[in-house]
Amino acid sequence: MGETLSLNISKKNLNKALRMLNTGYKSHKKYAEVYSVAFKVDNQNKVSVLVPGGEYIIDAETSAAGCFALNYKWFKMLVKDCKTKSLDFKVESGLLTVNNTVSVRVKQYDGDIDIPLSLSYSAGEMARLDLSKIEKDVIDFWGLASQIENAREEVEKCIDKAYLQVAKYLPPKLTSSAFKAKLRKELLIKNPDPVE
């Protein structure tokens, strides 16, 4: 990622993209400190604005290809407070400079950042992510480690609660651990180990 990535995007287009993707942010507001928005340039004069499970493509003046992410909440405030009609981004060595005045550290990534989630993904959807098919760098890029861990804890609590509610109806040979293992197999995960 030695090449400088430059983007010039109208505030109108940025606001439109953020409005279209805001459902995801609202659904996961408790993770506002780690919830990210990413900008990916593959084609000249087009930018994909992404959040986990959502993408909106807008026109922009671009140079080079690349991808970077930053905090959604912070970025939304920056766009709202911007007085100019367009924002000029320059990304180099993990540093984003906006309109030659504000600089902030960003995450950059060269590979595929797709994550198989819906825009308003649930704890169950998050807990079922097959991490064997997703690079750890992608999880880090999106800041999803804490969400995955919390989702799995939530599902585990629900499994414990379900067992307590049906325990007296279960066959005598079906132990607590066997019952929970069957539920886990159906509800959860192909890889029950927590994200490190």
Protein backbone atom coordinates (compact mmCIF):
# COMPACT_ATOMS: atom_id res chain seq x y z
CA MET A 1 0.00 0.00 0.00
CA GLY A 2 2.74 2.45 -0.85
CA GLU A 3 0.67 4.37 -3.42
CA THR A 4 -1.37 7.40 -2.31
CA LEU A 5 -5.11 6.92 -2.73
CA SER A 6 -6.93 10.16 -3.52
CA LEU A 7 -10.69 10.67 -3.62
CA ASN A 8 -12.80 13.72 -4.23
CA ILE A 9 -16.43 13.07 -3.31
CA SER A 10 -19.32 15.51 -3.20
CA LYS A 11 -20.88 16.00 0.21
CA LYS A 12 -24.28 15.29 -1.39
CA ASN A 13 -23.13 11.83 -2.57
CA LEU A 14 -21.52 11.05 0.79
CA ASN A 15 -24.69 12.01 2.65
CA LYS A 16 -26.75 9.85 0.30
CA ALA A 17 -24.47 6.85 0.92
CA LEU A 18 -24.56 7.36 4.70
CA ARG A 19 -28.37 7.63 4.67
CA MET A 20 -28.63 4.37 2.73
CA LEU A 21 -26.24 2.56 5.10
CA ASN A 22 -27.45 4.15 8.35
CA THR A 23 -29.82 1.25 9.12
CA GLY A 24 -26.78 -0.91 9.86
CA TYR A 25 -25.30 1.68 12.19
CA LYS A 26 -28.60 2.18 14.04
CA SER A 27 -29.00 -1.59 14.46
CA HIS A 28 -25.55 -1.86 16.04
CA LYS A 29 -25.29 1.46 17.86
CA LYS A 30 -24.02 -0.16 21.04
CA TYR A 31 -20.85 -0.94 19.08
CA ALA A 32 -20.50 2.68 17.87
CA GLU A 33 -16.90 2.90 19.06
CA VAL A 34 -15.81 0.08 16.72
CA TYR A 35 -18.47 0.20 13.97
CA SER A 36 -16.69 1.06 10.72
CA VAL A 37 -17.40 2.53 7.33
CA ALA A 38 -15.07 1.55 4.51
CA PHE A 39 -14.22 3.09 1.17
CA LYS A 40 -13.11 0.79 -1.62
CA VAL A 41 -11.87 1.94 -5.03
CA ASP A 42 -11.64 -0.72 -7.74
CA ASN A 43 -12.86 1.25 -10.74
CA GLN A 44 -11.88 4.74 -11.78
CA ASN A 45 -14.42 7.38 -10.72
CA LYS A 46 -16.50 4.96 -8.59
CA VAL A 47 -16.24 4.40 -4.85
CA SER A 48 -17.94 1.65 -2.86
CA VAL A 49 -18.98 2.91 0.55
CA LEU A 50 -19.40 -0.13 2.79
CA VAL A 51 -20.50 -1.15 6.27
CA PRO A 52 -20.77 -4.77 7.45
CA GLY A 53 -23.53 -6.24 5.28
CA GLY A 54 -24.11 -3.15 3.13
CA GLU A 55 -22.66 -1.37 0.12
CA TYR A 56 -23.54 1.79 -1.77
CA ILE A 57 -21.63 2.87 -4.89
CA ILE A 58 -21.15 6.56 -5.64
CA ASP A 59 -19.36 8.68 -8.20
CA ALA A 60 -16.08 10.28 -7.20
CA GLU A 61 -12.83 11.46 -8.69
CA THR A 62 -10.28 8.78 -7.82
CA SER A 63 -6.62 8.03 -8.22
CA ALA A 64 -5.24 4.55 -7.63
CA ALA A 65 -7.09 1.58 -6.15
CA GLY A 66 -7.33 0.75 -2.49
CA CYS A 67 -9.46 0.29 0.56
CA PHE A 68 -9.60 1.94 3.96
CA ALA A 69 -11.94 2.03 6.96
CA LEU A 70 -12.59 4.40 9.81
CA ASN A 71 -15.12 4.89 12.57
CA TYR A 72 -18.63 5.39 11.17
CA LYS A 73 -19.85 7.73 13.93
CA TRP A 74 -16.78 9.98 13.68
CA PHE A 75 -16.97 10.07 9.89
CA LYS A 76 -20.68 10.92 9.88
CA MET A 77 -20.01 13.87 12.21
CA LEU A 78 -17.13 15.03 10.00
CA VAL A 79 -19.33 15.03 6.89
CA LYS A 80 -22.13 16.84 8.74
CA ASP A 81 -19.74 19.55 9.99
CA CYS A 82 -17.99 20.01 6.64
CA LYS A 83 -18.82 23.39 5.07
CA THR A 84 -17.48 22.61 1.59
CA LYS A 85 -19.47 21.01 -1.23
CA SER A 86 -16.96 18.21 -1.64
CA LEU A 87 -14.46 16.34 0.49
CA ASP A 88 -10.95 15.66 -0.70
CA PHE A 89 -9.43 12.48 0.82
CA LYS A 90 -5.80 11.45 0.64
CA VAL A 91 -4.78 8.13 2.19
CA GLU A 92 -1.14 7.24 2.61
CA SER A 93 0.55 4.84 5.03
CA GLY A 94 -2.55 4.45 7.20
CA LEU A 95 -3.24 8.17 7.51
CA LEU A 96 -6.32 9.83 5.99
CA THR A 97 -6.18 13.58 5.40
CA VAL A 98 -9.49 15.31 4.67
CA ASN A 99 -9.47 18.67 2.82
CA ASN A 100 -5.81 19.14 3.79
CA THR A 101 -6.90 20.03 7.33
CA VAL A 102 -8.00 16.99 9.37
CA SER A 103 -5.93 13.81 9.64
CA VAL A 104 -6.93 10.53 11.24
CA ARG A 105 -5.49 7.00 11.36
CA VAL A 106 -7.37 4.49 9.21
CA LYS A 107 -7.19 0.77 8.61
CA GLN A 108 -6.05 -0.18 5.12
CA TYR A 109 -6.47 -3.57 3.51
CA ASP A 110 -5.54 -4.99 0.12
CA GLY A 111 -7.68 -8.14 0.06
CA ASP A 112 -11.36 -8.97 -0.13
CA ILE A 113 -13.29 -7.33 2.74
CA ASP A 114 -16.66 -8.98 2.07
CA ILE A 115 -18.32 -10.41 5.15
CA PRO A 116 -21.42 -12.64 4.83
CA LEU A 117 -23.83 -10.59 6.95
CA SER A 118 -27.05 -8.70 6.29
CA LEU A 119 -27.18 -4.96 6.95
CA SER A 120 -29.16 -5.38 10.19
CA TYR A 121 -27.50 -8.64 11.20
CA SER A 122 -28.65 -10.34 14.41
CA ALA A 123 -26.61 -11.86 17.22
CA GLY A 124 -27.49 -15.29 15.79
CA GLU A 125 -26.21 -14.33 12.35
CA MET A 126 -23.02 -12.98 13.88
CA ALA A 127 -22.54 -16.09 16.03
CA ARG A 128 -22.95 -18.35 12.99
CA LEU A 129 -20.17 -16.70 10.98
CA ASP A 130 -17.89 -19.44 9.74
CA LEU A 131 -14.55 -17.98 10.75
CA SER A 132 -12.68 -20.71 8.90
CA LYS A 133 -13.77 -18.95 5.68
CA ILE A 134 -12.98 -15.38 6.82
CA GLU A 135 -9.46 -14.08 7.29
CA LYS A 136 -8.67 -12.74 10.75
CA ASP A 137 -7.46 -9.53 9.08
CA VAL A 138 -10.99 -8.98 7.70
CA ILE A 139 -12.50 -9.40 11.19
CA ASP A 140 -9.92 -6.90 12.48
CA PHE A 141 -10.55 -4.52 9.56
CA TRP A 142 -14.26 -4.35 10.43
CA GLY A 143 -13.69 -4.38 14.21
CA LEU A 144 -16.03 -7.36 14.66
CA ALA A 145 -14.16 -9.42 17.28
CA SER A 146 -16.10 -8.02 20.26
CA GLN A 147 -19.42 -8.36 18.44
CA ILE A 148 -18.72 -12.01 17.59
CA GLU A 149 -17.72 -12.78 21.17
CA ASN A 150 -20.79 -11.01 22.59
CA ALA A 151 -23.11 -12.74 20.10
CA ARG A 152 -21.77 -16.15 21.07
CA GLU A 153 -22.16 -15.35 24.76
CA GLU A 154 -25.76 -14.25 24.11
CA VAL A 155 -26.55 -17.49 22.25
CA GLU A 156 -24.93 -19.54 25.06
CA LYS A 157 -27.12 -17.79 27.66
CA CYS A 158 -30.20 -18.55 25.55
CA ILE A 159 -29.17 -22.22 25.30
CA ASP A 160 -28.80 -22.40 29.10
CA LYS A 161 -32.19 -20.75 29.54
CA ALA A 162 -33.83 -23.12 27.04
CA TYR A 163 -32.43 -26.11 28.90
CA LEU A 164 -33.83 -24.86 32.22
CA GLN A 165 -37.27 -24.39 30.65
CA VAL A 166 -37.49 -27.87 29.09
CA ALA A 167 -35.35 -29.94 31.48
CA LYS A 168 -38.32 -31.65 33.16
CA TYR A 169 -39.68 -32.76 29.77
CA LEU A 170 -36.48 -34.30 28.43
CA PRO A 171 -35.88 -38.05 28.28
CA PRO A 172 -33.83 -39.27 31.26
CA LYS A 173 -30.94 -40.36 29.04
CA LEU A 174 -30.55 -36.88 27.48
CA THR A 175 -28.05 -35.10 29.69
CA SER A 176 -27.72 -31.35 30.05
CA SER A 177 -24.48 -31.31 28.07
CA ALA A 178 -25.93 -33.50 25.28
CA PHE A 179 -29.02 -31.28 25.01
CA LYS A 180 -26.91 -28.12 24.88
CA ALA A 181 -24.56 -29.68 22.31
CA LYS A 182 -27.53 -30.49 20.04
CA LEU A 183 -28.83 -26.93 20.32
CA ARG A 184 -25.37 -25.50 19.73
CA LYS A 185 -25.02 -27.62 16.61
CA GLU A 186 -28.30 -26.23 15.23
CA LEU A 187 -28.03 -22.64 16.41
CA LEU A 188 -24.43 -21.83 16.41
CA ILE A 189 -21.34 -22.29 14.72
CA LYS A 190 -19.13 -24.42 12.69
CA ASN A 191 -16.22 -23.09 14.74
CA PRO A 192 -17.24 -22.51 18.39
CA ASP A 193 -13.82 -21.20 19.41
CA PRO A 194 -13.90 -17.50 20.31
CA VAL A 195 -12.18 -14.92 18.14
CA GLU A 196 -8.70 -14.14 19.39
